[in-house]
N, C-alpha and C. Protein backbone atom coordinates (compact mmCIF):
# COMPACT_ATOMS: atom_id res chain seq x y z
N MET A 1 -22.23 -25.64 -26.94
CA MET A 1 -21.76 -24.31 -26.57
C MET A 1 -20.64 -23.92 -27.53
N ASN A 2 -20.76 -22.75 -28.15
CA ASN A 2 -19.71 -22.33 -29.08
C ASN A 2 -18.58 -21.63 -28.32
N VAL A 3 -17.47 -21.44 -29.00
CA VAL A 3 -16.28 -20.87 -28.38
C VAL A 3 -16.54 -19.44 -27.91
N LYS A 4 -17.27 -18.66 -28.71
CA LYS A 4 -17.54 -17.27 -28.37
C LYS A 4 -18.32 -17.18 -27.05
N THR A 5 -19.36 -18.01 -26.89
CA THR A 5 -20.14 -18.02 -25.66
C THR A 5 -19.28 -18.48 -24.49
N SER A 6 -18.47 -19.49 -24.73
CA SER A 6 -17.61 -20.01 -23.67
C SER A 6 -16.63 -18.94 -23.18
N LEU A 7 -16.04 -18.18 -24.11
CA LEU A 7 -15.10 -17.14 -23.71
C LEU A 7 -15.79 -16.04 -22.93
N ARG A 8 -16.99 -15.64 -23.37
CA ARG A 8 -17.70 -14.61 -22.63
C ARG A 8 -18.03 -15.08 -21.22
N ARG A 9 -18.45 -16.32 -21.11
CA ARG A 9 -18.79 -16.87 -19.81
C ARG A 9 -17.55 -16.94 -18.92
N ARG A 10 -16.44 -17.39 -19.48
CA ARG A 10 -15.19 -17.47 -18.71
C ARG A 10 -14.74 -16.08 -18.28
N THR A 11 -14.86 -15.13 -19.19
CA THR A 11 -14.50 -13.76 -18.85
C THR A 11 -15.36 -13.27 -17.71
N PHE A 12 -16.66 -13.51 -17.81
CA PHE A 12 -17.58 -13.08 -16.75
C PHE A 12 -17.22 -13.75 -15.43
N LEU A 13 -17.01 -15.07 -15.46
CA LEU A 13 -16.66 -15.78 -14.22
C LEU A 13 -15.31 -15.31 -13.68
N GLY A 14 -14.35 -15.07 -14.58
CA GLY A 14 -13.04 -14.60 -14.14
C GLY A 14 -13.12 -13.24 -13.49
N VAL A 15 -13.92 -12.34 -14.07
CA VAL A 15 -14.07 -11.01 -13.49
C VAL A 15 -14.74 -11.11 -12.12
N GLY A 16 -15.76 -11.94 -12.02
CA GLY A 16 -16.44 -12.12 -10.74
C GLY A 16 -15.53 -12.68 -9.68
N LEU A 17 -14.74 -13.70 -10.05
CA LEU A 17 -13.81 -14.28 -9.09
C LEU A 17 -12.70 -13.29 -8.72
N ALA A 18 -12.24 -12.53 -9.71
CA ALA A 18 -11.20 -11.53 -9.41
C ALA A 18 -11.73 -10.47 -8.47
N ALA A 19 -12.98 -10.04 -8.68
CA ALA A 19 -13.57 -9.03 -7.79
C ALA A 19 -13.71 -9.59 -6.38
N ALA A 20 -14.17 -10.83 -6.27
CA ALA A 20 -14.30 -11.44 -4.94
C ALA A 20 -12.94 -11.61 -4.30
N GLY A 21 -11.95 -12.03 -5.09
CA GLY A 21 -10.60 -12.21 -4.56
C GLY A 21 -9.98 -10.90 -4.13
N SER A 22 -10.25 -9.83 -4.88
CA SER A 22 -9.66 -8.55 -4.50
C SER A 22 -10.27 -8.04 -3.21
N THR A 23 -11.53 -8.34 -2.98
CA THR A 23 -12.15 -7.93 -1.73
C THR A 23 -11.51 -8.67 -0.56
N LEU A 24 -11.25 -9.96 -0.75
CA LEU A 24 -10.65 -10.73 0.32
C LEU A 24 -9.19 -10.38 0.52
N SER A 25 -8.48 -10.08 -0.58
CA SER A 25 -7.04 -9.89 -0.45
C SER A 25 -6.65 -8.46 -0.12
N CYS A 26 -7.60 -7.56 0.00
CA CYS A 26 -7.25 -6.17 0.30
C CYS A 26 -6.90 -5.96 1.76
N SER A 27 -7.11 -6.96 2.58
CA SER A 27 -6.74 -6.82 3.98
C SER A 27 -5.22 -6.83 4.07
N HIS A 28 -4.71 -6.41 5.18
CA HIS A 28 -3.26 -6.32 5.36
C HIS A 28 -2.67 -7.72 5.45
N ALA A 29 -1.62 -7.92 4.70
CA ALA A 29 -0.97 -9.23 4.67
C ALA A 29 -0.28 -9.49 6.00
N PRO A 30 -0.36 -10.72 6.49
CA PRO A 30 0.38 -11.05 7.71
C PRO A 30 1.89 -10.94 7.44
N ALA A 31 2.64 -10.67 8.47
CA ALA A 31 4.08 -10.53 8.33
C ALA A 31 4.66 -11.76 7.63
N GLY A 32 5.53 -11.52 6.67
CA GLY A 32 6.18 -12.62 5.97
C GLY A 32 5.43 -13.10 4.76
N LYS A 33 4.27 -12.59 4.48
CA LYS A 33 3.47 -13.02 3.33
C LYS A 33 3.46 -11.90 2.30
N TRP A 34 4.54 -11.75 1.61
CA TRP A 34 4.67 -10.66 0.64
C TRP A 34 4.31 -11.15 -0.75
N ARG A 35 3.66 -10.30 -1.52
CA ARG A 35 3.28 -10.62 -2.89
C ARG A 35 4.41 -10.32 -3.86
N PHE A 36 5.14 -9.24 -3.65
CA PHE A 36 6.22 -8.85 -4.55
C PHE A 36 7.56 -8.74 -3.83
N PHE A 37 7.57 -8.04 -2.72
CA PHE A 37 8.83 -7.80 -2.02
C PHE A 37 9.39 -9.06 -1.38
N THR A 38 10.71 -9.09 -1.26
CA THR A 38 11.34 -10.07 -0.38
C THR A 38 11.20 -9.50 1.04
N PRO A 39 11.38 -10.29 2.07
CA PRO A 39 11.31 -9.73 3.43
C PRO A 39 12.29 -8.57 3.64
N ALA A 40 13.50 -8.68 3.09
CA ALA A 40 14.48 -7.60 3.25
C ALA A 40 14.02 -6.33 2.52
N GLN A 41 13.48 -6.47 1.31
CA GLN A 41 12.97 -5.31 0.59
C GLN A 41 11.81 -4.67 1.34
N ALA A 42 10.94 -5.50 1.89
CA ALA A 42 9.79 -4.97 2.64
C ALA A 42 10.25 -4.18 3.86
N ARG A 43 11.27 -4.66 4.55
CA ARG A 43 11.82 -3.91 5.71
C ARG A 43 12.35 -2.56 5.26
N THR A 44 13.04 -2.54 4.12
CA THR A 44 13.60 -1.29 3.61
C THR A 44 12.49 -0.33 3.23
N VAL A 45 11.49 -0.82 2.49
CA VAL A 45 10.38 0.05 2.08
C VAL A 45 9.64 0.57 3.30
N ASP A 46 9.41 -0.28 4.29
CA ASP A 46 8.73 0.15 5.51
C ASP A 46 9.52 1.25 6.21
N ALA A 47 10.85 1.10 6.26
CA ALA A 47 11.70 2.11 6.90
C ALA A 47 11.67 3.43 6.12
N ILE A 48 11.68 3.33 4.79
CA ILE A 48 11.61 4.54 3.97
C ILE A 48 10.29 5.26 4.23
N CYS A 49 9.20 4.52 4.15
CA CYS A 49 7.87 5.11 4.36
C CYS A 49 7.75 5.74 5.74
N ALA A 50 8.32 5.08 6.75
CA ALA A 50 8.26 5.61 8.11
C ALA A 50 9.02 6.93 8.23
N GLN A 51 10.03 7.13 7.41
CA GLN A 51 10.74 8.41 7.42
C GLN A 51 10.00 9.47 6.61
N LEU A 52 9.32 9.05 5.55
CA LEU A 52 8.60 10.01 4.71
C LEU A 52 7.35 10.55 5.40
N ILE A 53 6.64 9.66 6.12
CA ILE A 53 5.48 10.09 6.92
C ILE A 53 5.67 9.49 8.31
N PRO A 54 6.43 10.20 9.15
CA PRO A 54 6.72 9.65 10.49
C PRO A 54 5.54 9.81 11.44
N ALA A 55 5.53 8.96 12.43
CA ALA A 55 4.53 9.07 13.49
C ALA A 55 4.92 10.23 14.40
N ASP A 56 3.91 10.92 14.88
CA ASP A 56 4.11 11.94 15.91
C ASP A 56 2.98 11.72 16.91
N GLN A 57 2.14 12.71 17.15
CA GLN A 57 0.99 12.46 18.02
C GLN A 57 -0.04 11.57 17.30
N ASP A 58 0.12 11.43 15.98
CA ASP A 58 -0.74 10.56 15.18
C ASP A 58 0.12 9.47 14.54
N PRO A 59 -0.51 8.36 14.16
CA PRO A 59 0.25 7.29 13.50
C PRO A 59 0.84 7.76 12.18
N GLY A 60 1.95 7.14 11.81
CA GLY A 60 2.61 7.45 10.55
C GLY A 60 2.42 6.33 9.54
N ALA A 61 3.27 6.34 8.51
CA ALA A 61 3.17 5.37 7.42
C ALA A 61 3.38 3.94 7.90
N HIS A 62 4.27 3.74 8.85
CA HIS A 62 4.49 2.39 9.37
C HIS A 62 3.22 1.85 10.03
N GLU A 63 2.64 2.64 10.89
CA GLU A 63 1.43 2.21 11.61
C GLU A 63 0.25 2.04 10.65
N ALA A 64 0.24 2.80 9.57
CA ALA A 64 -0.84 2.70 8.59
C ALA A 64 -0.65 1.53 7.63
N GLY A 65 0.48 0.83 7.72
CA GLY A 65 0.70 -0.33 6.87
C GLY A 65 0.93 0.02 5.40
N VAL A 66 1.58 1.15 5.15
CA VAL A 66 1.79 1.60 3.78
C VAL A 66 2.59 0.59 2.97
N VAL A 67 3.53 -0.10 3.60
CA VAL A 67 4.33 -1.09 2.88
C VAL A 67 3.43 -2.18 2.28
N TYR A 68 2.33 -2.52 2.95
CA TYR A 68 1.41 -3.52 2.41
C TYR A 68 0.68 -2.99 1.19
N TYR A 69 0.34 -1.70 1.21
CA TYR A 69 -0.28 -1.08 0.04
C TYR A 69 0.67 -1.16 -1.16
N ILE A 70 1.91 -0.75 -0.96
CA ILE A 70 2.86 -0.74 -2.07
C ILE A 70 3.09 -2.15 -2.59
N ASP A 71 3.28 -3.09 -1.68
CA ASP A 71 3.50 -4.48 -2.08
C ASP A 71 2.31 -5.02 -2.87
N LEU A 72 1.11 -4.79 -2.38
CA LEU A 72 -0.10 -5.27 -3.06
C LEU A 72 -0.24 -4.62 -4.43
N GLN A 73 -0.03 -3.32 -4.50
CA GLN A 73 -0.21 -2.62 -5.77
C GLN A 73 0.87 -2.98 -6.78
N LEU A 74 2.07 -3.31 -6.34
CA LEU A 74 3.12 -3.76 -7.27
C LEU A 74 2.80 -5.13 -7.85
N SER A 75 1.90 -5.85 -7.23
CA SER A 75 1.47 -7.13 -7.80
C SER A 75 0.21 -6.96 -8.66
N ARG A 76 -0.26 -5.74 -8.78
CA ARG A 76 -1.48 -5.45 -9.53
C ARG A 76 -1.27 -4.28 -10.49
N ARG A 77 -1.91 -3.17 -10.19
CA ARG A 77 -1.94 -2.06 -11.14
C ARG A 77 -0.64 -1.29 -11.27
N LEU A 78 0.29 -1.46 -10.35
CA LEU A 78 1.58 -0.76 -10.44
C LEU A 78 2.72 -1.68 -10.88
N LYS A 79 2.39 -2.76 -11.56
CA LYS A 79 3.41 -3.72 -12.01
C LYS A 79 4.52 -3.07 -12.81
N ARG A 80 4.18 -2.03 -13.56
CA ARG A 80 5.18 -1.38 -14.42
C ARG A 80 6.32 -0.75 -13.61
N TYR A 81 6.15 -0.60 -12.31
CA TYR A 81 7.18 0.02 -11.47
C TYR A 81 8.06 -0.99 -10.74
N ARG A 82 7.83 -2.26 -10.98
CA ARG A 82 8.60 -3.28 -10.27
C ARG A 82 10.10 -3.12 -10.45
N ALA A 83 10.53 -2.97 -11.69
CA ALA A 83 11.97 -2.85 -11.96
C ALA A 83 12.55 -1.60 -11.29
N ALA A 84 11.80 -0.52 -11.29
CA ALA A 84 12.26 0.71 -10.65
C ALA A 84 12.44 0.50 -9.15
N TYR A 85 11.53 -0.25 -8.53
CA TYR A 85 11.67 -0.53 -7.10
C TYR A 85 12.89 -1.41 -6.84
N VAL A 86 13.05 -2.44 -7.63
CA VAL A 86 14.20 -3.33 -7.42
C VAL A 86 15.50 -2.54 -7.55
N ARG A 87 15.63 -1.76 -8.62
CA ARG A 87 16.86 -0.95 -8.82
C ARG A 87 17.03 0.06 -7.70
N GLY A 88 15.96 0.78 -7.35
CA GLY A 88 16.06 1.81 -6.32
C GLY A 88 16.41 1.24 -4.96
N LEU A 89 15.81 0.12 -4.60
CA LEU A 89 16.10 -0.49 -3.30
C LEU A 89 17.52 -1.05 -3.27
N GLU A 90 17.96 -1.63 -4.39
CA GLU A 90 19.35 -2.12 -4.45
C GLU A 90 20.33 -0.96 -4.31
N TRP A 91 20.04 0.15 -5.01
CA TRP A 91 20.92 1.32 -4.93
C TRP A 91 20.97 1.84 -3.49
N LEU A 92 19.81 1.96 -2.86
CA LEU A 92 19.75 2.50 -1.50
C LEU A 92 20.49 1.62 -0.51
N ASP A 93 20.28 0.31 -0.57
CA ASP A 93 20.97 -0.57 0.36
C ASP A 93 22.47 -0.60 0.08
N SER A 94 22.84 -0.52 -1.18
CA SER A 94 24.26 -0.46 -1.53
C SER A 94 24.90 0.82 -0.97
N ALA A 95 24.22 1.94 -1.14
CA ALA A 95 24.72 3.21 -0.60
C ALA A 95 24.78 3.16 0.92
N SER A 96 23.81 2.50 1.54
CA SER A 96 23.79 2.38 2.99
C SER A 96 24.96 1.55 3.49
N ARG A 97 25.21 0.44 2.83
CA ARG A 97 26.33 -0.42 3.24
C ARG A 97 27.68 0.27 3.00
N ALA A 98 27.78 1.00 1.90
CA ALA A 98 29.04 1.71 1.60
C ALA A 98 29.31 2.81 2.62
N ARG A 99 28.27 3.52 3.01
CA ARG A 99 28.46 4.67 3.90
C ARG A 99 28.47 4.27 5.38
N PHE A 100 27.57 3.32 5.76
CA PHE A 100 27.42 3.00 7.18
C PHE A 100 27.69 1.54 7.54
N GLY A 101 27.92 0.70 6.53
CA GLY A 101 28.24 -0.70 6.80
C GLY A 101 27.05 -1.57 7.19
N ARG A 102 25.84 -1.05 7.01
CA ARG A 102 24.63 -1.81 7.39
C ARG A 102 23.51 -1.53 6.38
N PRO A 103 22.51 -2.43 6.35
CA PRO A 103 21.36 -2.17 5.49
C PRO A 103 20.58 -0.94 5.96
N PHE A 104 19.88 -0.32 5.06
CA PHE A 104 19.13 0.91 5.35
C PHE A 104 18.19 0.73 6.54
N ALA A 105 17.47 -0.37 6.60
CA ALA A 105 16.47 -0.59 7.66
C ALA A 105 17.10 -0.67 9.04
N ASP A 106 18.40 -0.96 9.12
CA ASP A 106 19.09 -1.09 10.41
C ASP A 106 19.75 0.21 10.88
N LEU A 107 19.62 1.28 10.10
CA LEU A 107 20.27 2.54 10.45
C LEU A 107 19.44 3.34 11.44
N SER A 108 20.09 4.31 12.07
CA SER A 108 19.36 5.24 12.94
C SER A 108 18.50 6.15 12.06
N GLY A 109 17.57 6.82 12.67
CA GLY A 109 16.70 7.74 11.93
C GLY A 109 17.48 8.83 11.22
N GLU A 110 18.48 9.39 11.87
CA GLU A 110 19.29 10.45 11.26
C GLU A 110 20.05 9.93 10.05
N GLN A 111 20.60 8.72 10.16
CA GLN A 111 21.32 8.13 9.03
C GLN A 111 20.37 7.83 7.87
N GLN A 112 19.17 7.35 8.19
CA GLN A 112 18.18 7.09 7.13
C GLN A 112 17.81 8.38 6.41
N ILE A 113 17.61 9.45 7.16
CA ILE A 113 17.26 10.74 6.54
C ILE A 113 18.41 11.22 5.65
N GLU A 114 19.63 11.06 6.12
CA GLU A 114 20.79 11.45 5.31
C GLU A 114 20.79 10.69 3.98
N LEU A 115 20.53 9.39 4.03
CA LEU A 115 20.52 8.60 2.80
C LEU A 115 19.30 8.92 1.93
N LEU A 116 18.18 9.24 2.52
CA LEU A 116 17.02 9.63 1.72
C LEU A 116 17.27 10.96 1.02
N ASN A 117 17.97 11.88 1.67
CA ASN A 117 18.35 13.13 1.02
C ASN A 117 19.28 12.85 -0.17
N LEU A 118 20.21 11.92 0.02
CA LEU A 118 21.11 11.52 -1.06
C LEU A 118 20.33 10.85 -2.19
N THR A 119 19.36 10.03 -1.84
CA THR A 119 18.53 9.36 -2.84
C THR A 119 17.74 10.38 -3.65
N GLU A 120 17.21 11.38 -2.97
CA GLU A 120 16.46 12.43 -3.67
C GLU A 120 17.36 13.15 -4.68
N GLU A 121 18.63 13.28 -4.33
CA GLU A 121 19.58 13.96 -5.22
C GLU A 121 20.08 13.05 -6.35
N LYS A 122 20.45 11.82 -6.00
CA LYS A 122 21.10 10.91 -6.96
C LYS A 122 20.13 10.02 -7.73
N GLU A 123 19.02 9.68 -7.12
CA GLU A 123 18.01 8.79 -7.73
C GLU A 123 16.63 9.44 -7.62
N PRO A 124 16.45 10.60 -8.23
CA PRO A 124 15.20 11.34 -8.04
C PRO A 124 13.96 10.62 -8.55
N ALA A 125 14.09 9.83 -9.61
CA ALA A 125 12.92 9.12 -10.14
C ALA A 125 12.41 8.11 -9.11
N PHE A 126 13.33 7.36 -8.49
CA PHE A 126 12.91 6.39 -7.47
C PHE A 126 12.36 7.11 -6.24
N PHE A 127 13.03 8.17 -5.83
CA PHE A 127 12.56 8.91 -4.66
C PHE A 127 11.14 9.44 -4.88
N ASP A 128 10.91 10.07 -6.03
CA ASP A 128 9.57 10.61 -6.34
C ASP A 128 8.53 9.50 -6.40
N LEU A 129 8.92 8.35 -6.94
CA LEU A 129 8.00 7.22 -7.06
C LEU A 129 7.58 6.70 -5.69
N ILE A 130 8.54 6.43 -4.83
CA ILE A 130 8.19 5.88 -3.52
C ILE A 130 7.49 6.92 -2.65
N LEU A 131 7.82 8.20 -2.82
CA LEU A 131 7.11 9.25 -2.10
C LEU A 131 5.64 9.28 -2.53
N ALA A 132 5.39 9.24 -3.83
CA ALA A 132 4.00 9.24 -4.33
C ALA A 132 3.23 8.02 -3.83
N HIS A 133 3.86 6.85 -3.87
CA HIS A 133 3.17 5.63 -3.43
C HIS A 133 2.97 5.62 -1.92
N THR A 134 3.88 6.22 -1.18
CA THR A 134 3.71 6.33 0.27
C THR A 134 2.51 7.20 0.59
N ARG A 135 2.38 8.31 -0.10
CA ARG A 135 1.23 9.19 0.10
C ARG A 135 -0.07 8.48 -0.26
N GLN A 136 -0.06 7.77 -1.37
CA GLN A 136 -1.27 7.04 -1.79
C GLN A 136 -1.66 6.01 -0.74
N GLY A 137 -0.67 5.27 -0.24
CA GLY A 137 -0.96 4.23 0.75
C GLY A 137 -1.39 4.78 2.09
N PHE A 138 -0.93 5.98 2.42
CA PHE A 138 -1.29 6.58 3.70
C PHE A 138 -2.66 7.24 3.65
N TYR A 139 -2.94 7.97 2.57
CA TYR A 139 -4.18 8.74 2.50
C TYR A 139 -5.30 8.03 1.74
N GLY A 140 -5.00 6.95 1.05
CA GLY A 140 -5.99 6.28 0.21
C GLY A 140 -6.99 5.46 1.01
N ASP A 141 -7.88 4.85 0.28
CA ASP A 141 -8.90 3.99 0.88
C ASP A 141 -8.26 2.72 1.42
N PRO A 142 -8.57 2.34 2.65
CA PRO A 142 -7.97 1.14 3.24
C PRO A 142 -8.20 -0.14 2.43
N ARG A 143 -9.23 -0.18 1.61
CA ARG A 143 -9.50 -1.40 0.85
C ARG A 143 -8.42 -1.68 -0.19
N HIS A 144 -7.52 -0.71 -0.41
CA HIS A 144 -6.43 -0.90 -1.36
C HIS A 144 -5.14 -1.37 -0.69
N GLY A 145 -5.19 -1.61 0.62
CA GLY A 145 -4.06 -2.22 1.30
C GLY A 145 -3.32 -1.35 2.29
N GLY A 146 -3.54 -0.05 2.30
CA GLY A 146 -2.86 0.84 3.25
C GLY A 146 -3.86 1.53 4.15
N ASN A 147 -3.44 2.62 4.75
CA ASN A 147 -4.29 3.42 5.64
C ASN A 147 -5.04 2.54 6.64
N ARG A 148 -4.29 1.66 7.28
CA ARG A 148 -4.86 0.72 8.25
C ARG A 148 -5.68 1.46 9.30
N ASP A 149 -6.86 0.97 9.54
CA ASP A 149 -7.80 1.56 10.51
C ASP A 149 -8.14 3.01 10.19
N ARG A 150 -7.95 3.40 8.92
CA ARG A 150 -8.28 4.76 8.45
C ARG A 150 -7.55 5.83 9.28
N VAL A 151 -6.29 5.54 9.65
CA VAL A 151 -5.58 6.44 10.55
C VAL A 151 -5.43 7.85 9.98
N SER A 152 -5.17 7.97 8.68
CA SER A 152 -4.99 9.32 8.13
C SER A 152 -6.32 10.06 8.08
N TRP A 153 -7.39 9.34 7.80
CA TRP A 153 -8.70 9.99 7.75
C TRP A 153 -9.11 10.46 9.14
N LYS A 154 -8.81 9.64 10.15
CA LYS A 154 -9.12 10.04 11.53
C LYS A 154 -8.28 11.26 11.92
N MET A 155 -7.02 11.27 11.52
CA MET A 155 -6.13 12.38 11.83
C MET A 155 -6.68 13.67 11.22
N LEU A 156 -7.21 13.57 10.01
CA LEU A 156 -7.74 14.74 9.32
C LEU A 156 -9.18 15.07 9.71
N GLY A 157 -9.79 14.20 10.51
CA GLY A 157 -11.17 14.41 10.94
C GLY A 157 -12.18 14.10 9.85
N LEU A 158 -11.79 13.23 8.91
CA LEU A 158 -12.71 12.88 7.83
C LEU A 158 -13.57 11.70 8.24
N PRO A 159 -14.85 11.74 7.92
CA PRO A 159 -15.70 10.59 8.21
C PRO A 159 -15.41 9.48 7.20
N TYR A 160 -15.73 8.28 7.59
CA TYR A 160 -15.58 7.16 6.66
C TYR A 160 -16.60 7.35 5.55
N PRO A 161 -16.16 7.41 4.30
CA PRO A 161 -17.11 7.68 3.21
C PRO A 161 -18.08 6.53 3.00
N GLN A 162 -19.30 6.89 2.72
CA GLN A 162 -20.31 5.88 2.43
C GLN A 162 -20.01 5.25 1.08
N ILE A 163 -20.16 3.97 0.99
CA ILE A 163 -19.98 3.25 -0.25
C ILE A 163 -21.36 2.95 -0.80
N ARG A 164 -21.56 3.25 -2.04
CA ARG A 164 -22.87 3.04 -2.65
C ARG A 164 -23.38 1.64 -2.38
N GLY A 165 -24.64 1.58 -1.96
CA GLY A 165 -25.28 0.29 -1.74
C GLY A 165 -25.04 -0.33 -0.39
N ARG A 166 -24.16 0.23 0.42
CA ARG A 166 -23.87 -0.34 1.74
C ARG A 166 -24.92 0.05 2.77
N GLN A 167 -25.44 1.25 2.66
CA GLN A 167 -26.45 1.71 3.61
C GLN A 167 -27.70 2.03 2.80
N ARG A 168 -28.68 1.19 2.93
CA ARG A 168 -29.85 1.31 2.07
C ARG A 168 -30.76 2.47 2.47
N PHE A 169 -30.80 2.80 3.74
CA PHE A 169 -31.70 3.84 4.20
C PHE A 169 -30.92 4.87 5.00
N PRO A 170 -31.29 6.14 4.87
CA PRO A 170 -30.64 7.15 5.71
C PRO A 170 -30.90 6.86 7.19
N ASP A 171 -30.02 7.36 8.04
CA ASP A 171 -30.14 7.12 9.47
C ASP A 171 -31.47 7.61 10.05
N HIS A 172 -32.00 8.68 9.50
CA HIS A 172 -33.23 9.23 10.07
C HIS A 172 -34.49 8.48 9.62
N MET A 173 -34.37 7.55 8.65
CA MET A 173 -35.53 6.78 8.20
C MET A 173 -35.68 5.53 9.03
N PRO A 174 -36.87 5.25 9.53
CA PRO A 174 -37.04 4.03 10.31
C PRO A 174 -36.96 2.80 9.42
N GLN A 175 -36.34 1.77 9.93
CA GLN A 175 -36.26 0.51 9.21
C GLN A 175 -37.59 -0.24 9.37
N THR A 176 -38.04 -0.86 8.31
CA THR A 176 -39.25 -1.68 8.41
C THR A 176 -38.86 -3.10 8.71
N GLU A 177 -39.73 -3.77 9.40
CA GLU A 177 -39.46 -5.16 9.72
C GLU A 177 -39.64 -6.01 8.47
N THR A 178 -38.82 -7.04 8.37
CA THR A 178 -38.97 -7.95 7.23
C THR A 178 -39.87 -9.10 7.64
N ARG A 179 -40.55 -9.62 6.66
CA ARG A 179 -41.45 -10.76 6.94
C ARG A 179 -40.66 -12.05 6.91
N PRO A 180 -41.03 -13.00 7.78
CA PRO A 180 -40.31 -14.29 7.79
C PRO A 180 -40.65 -15.13 6.59
């Protein structure tokens, strides 16, 4: 076996294993099993997301597991934003401790909103980034780590989209029996 064939085969196997792994790992991570965030950072991000898309008569970002989406994506396609998250979360918790003597996640809702307004003013790049990722995690496909139980789609009255190859026959077509 030559090196060129070996590399192509490894690439093929690696892509196949990565695809299988991504399917398995897209489920919501159990509490305490973070890919990028520390537990304290995850609490802060979850609190931010819960303020950006709060629950009312429908579930909000917290119930949709948006923090898991952001954490998962920061370990994958959004790696370039890791430093921005670390800096932004450090700034926010520092501002929270300076103003209220406690971490952001431990503040009342009104205090959190006050600090998010300050963040939007003083750290607009971080605020815009986490707002965009919160929206993606809330409205996106659940297979990417957020929108748990398709809560936003249900809220909007959207049907679960068909994925190519998942349903071989339309509902109105009778299924044929398979031979043993």
